[in-house]
């Protein structure tokens, strides 16, 4: 099945560059992205969790989930 999607020209160019750098077609990259999106959000729990966080913090500037304290972590 074919699906048509409109994107900004800049996004299309970025996608083309990414696809080329990965040795894949634009369609292959879009298929993978859609599959990952569907897998991630097919379980509504994650979508609800993120929506609740956004709603809870919508009036607060510069909020995000806290990251672990990795002060002693070295790469």
PDB file of N, CA and C in Angstrom:
ATOM      1  N   UNK A   1       0.839  -1.167   0.000  1.00  0.00           N
ATOM      2  CA  UNK A   1       0.000   0.000   0.000  1.00  0.00           C
ATOM      3  C   UNK A   1       0.889   1.237   0.000  1.00  0.00           C
ATOM      4  N   UNK A   2       0.459   2.257  -0.688  1.00  0.00           N
ATOM      5  CA  UNK A   2       1.205   3.514  -0.735  1.00  0.00           C
ATOM      6  C   UNK A   2       0.489   4.550   0.124  1.00  0.00           C
ATOM      7  N   UNK A   3       1.292   5.363   0.820  1.00  0.00           N
ATOM      8  CA  UNK A   3       0.770   6.453   1.640  1.00  0.00           C
ATOM      9  C   UNK A   3       1.508   7.717   1.223  1.00  0.00           C
ATOM     10  N   UNK A   4       0.777   8.781   1.002  1.00  0.00           N
ATOM     11  CA  UNK A   4       1.398  10.051   0.662  1.00  0.00           C
ATOM     12  C   UNK A   4       1.484  10.928   1.903  1.00  0.00           C
ATOM     13  N   UNK A   5       2.628  11.552   2.081  1.00  0.00           N
ATOM     14  CA  UNK A   5       2.838  12.426   3.240  1.00  0.00           C
ATOM     15  C   UNK A   5       3.483  13.716   2.747  1.00  0.00           C
ATOM     16  N   UNK A   6       2.975  14.838   3.211  1.00  0.00           N
ATOM     17  CA  UNK A   6       3.575  16.124   2.858  1.00  0.00           C
ATOM     18  C   UNK A   6       4.515  16.546   3.974  1.00  0.00           C
ATOM     19  N   UNK A   7       5.713  16.940   3.598  1.00  0.00           N
ATOM     20  CA  UNK A   7       6.696  17.437   4.566  1.00  0.00           C
ATOM     21  C   UNK A   7       7.331  18.702   3.996  1.00  0.00           C
ATOM     22  N   UNK A   8       7.896  19.493   4.874  1.00  0.00           N
ATOM     23  CA  UNK A   8       8.599  20.698   4.448  1.00  0.00           C
ATOM     24  C   UNK A   8       9.802  20.299   3.599  1.00  0.00           C
ATOM     25  N   UNK A   9      10.140  21.117   2.613  1.00  0.00           N
ATOM     26  CA  UNK A   9      11.286  20.801   1.748  1.00  0.00           C
ATOM     27  C   UNK A   9      12.574  20.549   2.537  1.00  0.00           C
ATOM     28  N   UNK A  10      12.792  21.315   3.602  1.00  0.00           N
ATOM     29  CA  UNK A  10      14.006  21.134   4.407  1.00  0.00           C
ATOM     30  C   UNK A  10      14.039  19.748   5.048  1.00  0.00           C
ATOM     31  N   UNK A  11      12.894  19.290   5.542  1.00  0.00           N
ATOM     32  CA  UNK A  11      12.820  17.957   6.151  1.00  0.00           C
ATOM     33  C   UNK A  11      13.050  16.873   5.099  1.00  0.00           C
ATOM     34  N   UNK A  12      12.520  17.080   3.921  1.00  0.00           N
ATOM     35  CA  UNK A  12      12.735  16.126   2.833  1.00  0.00           C
ATOM     36  C   UNK A  12      14.226  16.031   2.492  1.00  0.00           C
ATOM     37  N   UNK A  13      14.899  17.168   2.442  1.00  0.00           N
ATOM     38  CA  UNK A  13      16.330  17.168   2.148  1.00  0.00           C
ATOM     39  C   UNK A  13      17.125  16.473   3.251  1.00  0.00           C
ATOM     40  N   UNK A  14      16.744  16.724   4.506  1.00  0.00           N
ATOM     41  CA  UNK A  14      17.410  16.054   5.625  1.00  0.00           C
ATOM     42  C   UNK A  14      17.208  14.547   5.547  1.00  0.00           C
ATOM     43  N   UNK A  15      15.990  14.133   5.223  1.00  0.00           N
ATOM     44  CA  UNK A  15      15.694  12.707   5.092  1.00  0.00           C
ATOM     45  C   UNK A  15      16.525  12.093   3.969  1.00  0.00           C
ATOM     46  N   UNK A  16      16.603  12.784   2.854  1.00  0.00           N
ATOM     47  CA  UNK A  16      17.390  12.266   1.731  1.00  0.00           C
ATOM     48  C   UNK A  16      18.862  12.111   2.110  1.00  0.00           C
ATOM     49  N   UNK A  17      19.420  13.114   2.806  1.00  0.00           N
ATOM     50  CA  UNK A  17      20.826  13.021   3.229  1.00  0.00           C
ATOM     51  C   UNK A  17      21.026  11.854   4.190  1.00  0.00           C
ATOM     52  N   UNK A  18      20.106  11.709   5.132  1.00  0.00           N
ATOM     53  CA  UNK A  18      20.206  10.619   6.101  1.00  0.00           C
ATOM     54  C   UNK A  18      20.111   9.266   5.401  1.00  0.00           C
ATOM     55  N   UNK A  19      19.147   9.130   4.512  1.00  0.00           N
ATOM     56  CA  UNK A  19      18.975   7.869   3.780  1.00  0.00           C
ATOM     57  C   UNK A  19      20.242   7.530   3.001  1.00  0.00           C
ATOM     58  N   UNK A  20      20.799   8.516   2.306  1.00  0.00           N
ATOM     59  CA  UNK A  20      22.036   8.287   1.543  1.00  0.00           C
ATOM     60  C   UNK A  20      23.161   7.844   2.457  1.00  0.00           C
ATOM     61  N   UNK A  21      23.293   8.518   3.605  1.00  0.00           N
ATOM     62  CA  UNK A  21      24.394   8.187   4.513  1.00  0.00           C
ATOM     63  C   UNK A  21      24.243   6.792   5.108  1.00  0.00           C
ATOM     64  N   UNK A  22      23.011   6.305   5.175  1.00  0.00           N
ATOM     65  CA  UNK A  22      22.758   4.976   5.725  1.00  0.00           C
ATOM     66  C   UNK A  22      22.707   3.908   4.637  1.00  0.00           C
ATOM     67  N   UNK A  23      22.804   4.342   3.378  1.00  0.00           N
ATOM     68  CA  UNK A  23      22.736   3.396   2.264  1.00  0.00           C
ATOM     69  C   UNK A  23      21.348   2.808   2.080  1.00  0.00           C
ATOM     70  N   UNK A  24      20.336   3.597   2.410  1.00  0.00           N
ATOM     71  CA  UNK A  24      18.946   3.132   2.297  1.00  0.00           C
ATOM     72  C   UNK A  24      18.170   4.092   1.422  1.00  0.00           C
ATOM     73  N   UNK A  25      17.003   3.645   1.011  1.00  0.00           N
ATOM     74  CA  UNK A  25      16.123   4.530   0.254  1.00  0.00           C
ATOM     75  C   UNK A  25      15.324   5.394   1.222  1.00  0.00           C
ATOM     76  N   UNK A  26      14.787   6.481   0.699  1.00  0.00           N
ATOM     77  CA  UNK A  26      13.912   7.340   1.498  1.00  0.00           C
ATOM     78  C   UNK A  26      12.733   6.518   2.025  1.00  0.00           C
ATOM     79  N   UNK A  27      12.147   5.696   1.165  1.00  0.00           N
ATOM     80  CA  UNK A  27      10.997   4.883   1.571  1.00  0.00           C
ATOM     81  C   UNK A  27      11.353   3.919   2.699  1.00  0.00           C
ATOM     82  N   UNK A  28      12.536   3.327   2.633  1.00  0.00           N
ATOM     83  CA  UNK A  28      12.949   2.391   3.679  1.00  0.00           C
ATOM     84  C   UNK A  28      13.049   3.108   5.025  1.00  0.00           C
ATOM     85  N   UNK A  29      13.618   4.318   5.014  1.00  0.00           N
ATOM     86  CA  UNK A  29      13.735   5.088   6.254  1.00  0.00           C
ATOM     87  C   UNK A  29      12.367   5.449   6.809  1.00  0.00           C
ATOM     88  N   UNK A  30      11.458   5.870   5.931  1.00  0.00           N
ATOM     89  CA  UNK A  30      10.113   6.236   6.375  1.00  0.00           C
ATOM     90  C   UNK A  30       9.379   5.009   6.906  1.00  0.00           C
ATOM     91  N   UNK A  31       9.509   3.864   6.238  1.00  0.00           N
ATOM     92  CA  UNK A  31       8.865   2.632   6.736  1.00  0.00           C
ATOM     93  C   UNK A  31       9.357   2.277   8.125  1.00  0.00           C
ATOM     94  N   UNK A  32      10.677   2.353   8.326  1.00  0.00           N
ATOM     95  CA  UNK A  32      11.242   2.038   9.646  1.00  0.00           C
ATOM     96  C   UNK A  32      10.748   3.016  10.704  1.00  0.00           C
ATOM     97  N   UNK A  33      10.692   4.300  10.354  1.00  0.00           N
ATOM     98  CA  UNK A  33      10.235   5.311  11.314  1.00  0.00           C
ATOM     99  C   UNK A  33       8.774   5.072  11.695  1.00  0.00           C
ATOM    100  N   UNK A  34       7.939   4.760  10.723  1.00  0.00           N
ATOM    101  CA  UNK A  34       6.529   4.502  11.012  1.00  0.00           C
ATOM    102  C   UNK A  34       6.383   3.250  11.867  1.00  0.00           C
ATOM    103  N   UNK A  35       7.135   2.207  11.553  1.00  0.00           N
ATOM    104  CA  UNK A  35       7.064   0.970  12.337  1.00  0.00           C
ATOM    105  C   UNK A  35       7.465   1.223  13.782  1.00  0.00           C
ATOM    106  N   UNK A  36       8.520   2.006  14.006  1.00  0.00           N
ATOM    107  CA  UNK A  36       8.954   2.324  15.366  1.00  0.00           C
ATOM    108  C   UNK A  36       7.903   3.157  16.086  1.00  0.00           C
ATOM    109  N   UNK A  37       7.306   4.108  15.398  1.00  0.00           N
ATOM    110  CA  UNK A  37       6.274   4.961  15.983  1.00  0.00           C
ATOM    111  C   UNK A  37       5.072   4.122  16.400  1.00  0.00           C
ATOM    112  N   UNK A  38       4.625   3.259  15.505  1.00  0.00           N
ATOM    113  CA  UNK A  38       3.471   2.408  15.810  1.00  0.00           C
ATOM    114  C   UNK A  38       3.785   1.480  16.975  1.00  0.00           C
ATOM    115  N   UNK A  39       4.974   0.893  16.979  1.00  0.00           N
ATOM    116  CA  UNK A  39       5.353   0.003  18.074  1.00  0.00           C
ATOM    117  C   UNK A  39       5.380   0.760  19.401  1.00  0.00           C
ATOM    118  N   UNK A  40       5.948   1.953  19.398  1.00  0.00           N
ATOM    119  CA  UNK A  40       6.073   2.720  20.631  1.00  0.00           C
ATOM    120  C   UNK A  40       4.722   3.169  21.167  1.00  0.00           C
ATOM    121  N   UNK A  41       3.836   3.600  20.286  1.00  0.00           N
ATOM    122  CA  UNK A  41       2.582   4.175  20.738  1.00  0.00           C
ATOM    123  C   UNK A  41       1.388   3.246  20.611  1.00  0.00           C
ATOM    124  N   UNK A  42       1.582   2.009  20.173  1.00  0.00           N
ATOM    125  CA  UNK A  42       0.466   1.071  20.117  1.00  0.00           C
ATOM    126  C   UNK A  42       0.025   0.692  21.521  1.00  0.00           C
ATOM    127  N   UNK A  43       0.946   0.808  22.455  1.00  0.00           N
ATOM    128  CA  UNK A  43       0.604   0.636  23.858  1.00  0.00           C
ATOM    129  C   UNK A  43       0.278   2.034  24.380  1.00  0.00           C
ATOM    130  N   UNK A  44      -0.980   2.313  24.584  1.00  0.00           N
ATOM    131  CA  UNK A  44      -1.412   3.657  24.954  1.00  0.00           C
ATOM    132  C   UNK A  44      -0.860   4.127  26.284  1.00  0.00           C
ATOM    133  N   UNK A  45      -0.302   3.222  27.092  1.00  0.00           N
ATOM    134  CA  UNK A  45       0.234   3.627  28.390  1.00  0.00           C
ATOM    135  C   UNK A  45       1.346   4.657  28.235  1.00  0.00           C
ATOM    136  N   UNK A  46       2.239   4.456  27.275  1.00  0.00           N
ATOM    137  CA  UNK A  46       3.343   5.394  27.074  1.00  0.00           C
ATOM    138  C   UNK A  46       2.810   6.738  26.601  1.00  0.00           C
ATOM    139  N   UNK A  47       1.875   6.727  25.670  1.00  0.00           N
ATOM    140  CA  UNK A  47       1.304   7.974  25.181  1.00  0.00           C
ATOM    141  C   UNK A  47       0.589   8.714  26.304  1.00  0.00           C
ATOM    142  N   UNK A  48      -0.154   7.988  27.120  1.00  0.00           N
ATOM    143  CA  UNK A  48      -0.853   8.618  28.248  1.00  0.00           C
ATOM    144  C   UNK A  48       0.132   9.190  29.265  1.00  0.00           C
ATOM    145  N   UNK A  49       1.216   8.461  29.532  1.00  0.00           N
ATOM    146  CA  UNK A  49       2.217   8.930  30.491  1.00  0.00           C
ATOM    147  C   UNK A  49       2.836  10.238  30.006  1.00  0.00           C
ATOM    148  N   UNK A  50       3.218  10.270  28.739  1.00  0.00           N
ATOM    149  CA  UNK A  50       3.824  11.475  28.199  1.00  0.00           C
ATOM    150  C   UNK A  50       2.825  12.629  28.163  1.00  0.00           C
ATOM    151  N   UNK A  51       1.587  12.344  27.804  1.00  0.00           N
ATOM    152  CA  UNK A  51       0.568  13.388  27.778  1.00  0.00           C
ATOM    153  C   UNK A  51       0.329  13.945  29.172  1.00  0.00           C
ATOM    154  N   UNK A  52       0.320  13.082  30.174  1.00  0.00           N
ATOM    155  CA  UNK A  52       0.119  13.531  31.552  1.00  0.00           C
ATOM    156  C   UNK A  52       1.273  14.415  32.002  1.00  0.00           C
ATOM    157  N   UNK A  53       2.496  14.050  31.650  1.00  0.00           N
ATOM    158  CA  UNK A  53       3.653  14.877  31.999  1.00  0.00           C
ATOM    159  C   UNK A  53       3.577  16.251  31.341  1.00  0.00           C
ATOM    160  N   UNK A  54       3.198  16.264  30.092  1.00  0.00           N
ATOM    161  CA  UNK A  54       3.090  17.532  29.374  1.00  0.00           C
ATOM    162  C   UNK A  54       2.009  18.398  30.006  1.00  0.00           C
ATOM    163  N   UNK A  55       0.855  17.802  30.289  1.00  0.00           N
ATOM    164  CA  UNK A  55      -0.240  18.557  30.896  1.00  0.00           C
ATOM    165  C   UNK A  55       0.148  19.069  32.275  1.00  0.00           C
ATOM    166  N   UNK A  56       0.820  18.254  33.048  1.00  0.00           N
ATOM    167  CA  UNK A  56       1.222  18.629  34.402  1.00  0.00           C
ATOM    168  C   UNK A  56       2.186  19.801  34.409  1.00  0.00           C
ATOM    169  N   UNK A  57       3.068  19.851  33.433  1.00  0.00           N
ATOM    170  CA  UNK A  57       4.127  20.852  33.416  1.00  0.00           C
ATOM    171  C   UNK A  57       3.948  21.909  32.331  1.00  0.00           C
ATOM    172  N   UNK A  58       2.795  21.975  31.728  1.00  0.00           N
ATOM    173  CA  UNK A  58       2.617  22.856  30.578  1.00  0.00           C
ATOM    174  C   UNK A  58       2.868  24.323  30.892  1.00  0.00           C
ATOM    175  N   UNK A  59       2.638  24.756  32.122  1.00  0.00           N
ATOM    176  CA  UNK A  59       2.854  26.156  32.459  1.00  0.00           C
ATOM    177  C   UNK A  59       4.240  26.453  32.970  1.00  0.00           C
ATOM    178  N   UNK A  60       5.064  25.434  33.115  1.00  0.00           N
ATOM    179  CA  UNK A  60       6.404  25.616  33.677  1.00  0.00           C
ATOM    180  C   UNK A  60       7.448  25.669  32.560  1.00  0.00           C
ATOM    181  N   UNK A  61       8.294  26.686  32.561  1.00  0.00           N
ATOM    182  CA  UNK A  61       9.345  26.736  31.536  1.00  0.00           C
ATOM    183  C   UNK A  61      10.487  25.777  31.874  1.00  0.00           C
ATOM    184  N   UNK A  62      11.125  25.251  30.834  1.00  0.00           N
ATOM    185  CA  UNK A  62      12.345  24.449  30.981  1.00  0.00           C
ATOM    186  C   UNK A  62      12.180  23.227  31.864  1.00  0.00           C
ATOM    187  N   UNK A  63      11.115  22.499  31.706  1.00  0.00           N
ATOM    188  CA  UNK A  63      10.940  21.285  32.490  1.00  0.00           C
ATOM    189  C   UNK A  63      11.270  20.079  31.616  1.00  0.00           C
ATOM    190  N   UNK A  64      11.673  19.042  32.267  1.00  0.00           N
ATOM    191  CA  UNK A  64      11.866  17.748  31.612  1.00  0.00           C
ATOM    192  C   UNK A  64      11.989  16.707  32.700  1.00  0.00           C
ATOM    193  N   UNK A  65      11.936  15.448  32.287  1.00  0.00           N
ATOM    194  CA  UNK A  65      12.144  14.390  33.266  1.00  0.00           C
ATOM    195  C   UNK A  65      13.585  14.484  33.750  1.00  0.00           C
ATOM    196  N   UNK A  66      13.785  14.246  35.016  1.00  0.00           N
ATOM    197  CA  UNK A  66      15.120  14.347  35.582  1.00  0.00           C
ATOM    198  C   UNK A  66      15.996  13.187  35.117  1.00  0.00           C
ATOM    199  N   UNK A  67      17.237  13.493  34.824  1.00  0.00           N
ATOM    200  CA  UNK A  67      18.208  12.479  34.436  1.00  0.00           C
ATOM    201  C   UNK A  67      18.933  11.977  35.677  1.00  0.00           C
ATOM    202  N   UNK A  68      19.440  10.764  35.633  1.00  0.00           N
ATOM    203  CA  UNK A  68      20.212  10.253  36.770  1.00  0.00           C
ATOM    204  C   UNK A  68      21.449  11.111  37.012  1.00  0.00           C
ATOM    205  N   UNK A  69      21.935  11.095  38.227  1.00  0.00           N
ATOM    206  CA  UNK A  69      23.156  11.827  38.569  1.00  0.00           C
ATOM    207  C   UNK A  69      24.345  10.968  38.162  1.00  0.00           C
ATOM    208  N   UNK A  70      25.014  11.374  37.105  1.00  0.00           N
ATOM    209  CA  UNK A  70      26.133  10.603  36.591  1.00  0.00           C
ATOM    210  C   UNK A  70      27.441  11.347  36.812  1.00  0.00           C
ATOM    211  N   UNK A  71      27.578  12.048  37.926  1.00  0.00           N
ATOM    212  CA  UNK A  71      28.783  12.839  38.152  1.00  0.00           C
ATOM    213  C   UNK A  71      30.033  11.976  38.219  1.00  0.00           C
ATOM    214  N   UNK A  72      29.869  10.714  38.634  1.00  0.00           N
ATOM    215  CA  UNK A  72      31.048   9.854  38.732  1.00  0.00           C
ATOM    216  C   UNK A  72      31.202   8.943  37.514  1.00  0.00           C
ATOM    217  N   UNK A  73      30.354   9.111  36.521  1.00  0.00           N
ATOM    218  CA  UNK A  73      30.387   8.279  35.332  1.00  0.00           C
ATOM    219  C   UNK A  73      31.451   8.791  34.374  1.00  0.00           C
ATOM    220  N   UNK A  74      32.253   7.910  33.846  1.00  0.00           N
ATOM    221  CA  UNK A  74      33.257   8.299  32.861  1.00  0.00           C
ATOM    222  C   UNK A  74      33.075   7.457  31.615  1.00  0.00           C
ATOM    223  N   UNK A  75      33.335   8.078  30.481  1.00  0.00           N
ATOM    224  CA  UNK A  75      33.166   7.376  29.199  1.00  0.00           C
ATOM    225  C   UNK A  75      34.472   6.770  28.757  1.00  0.00           C
TER     226      UNK A  75
END
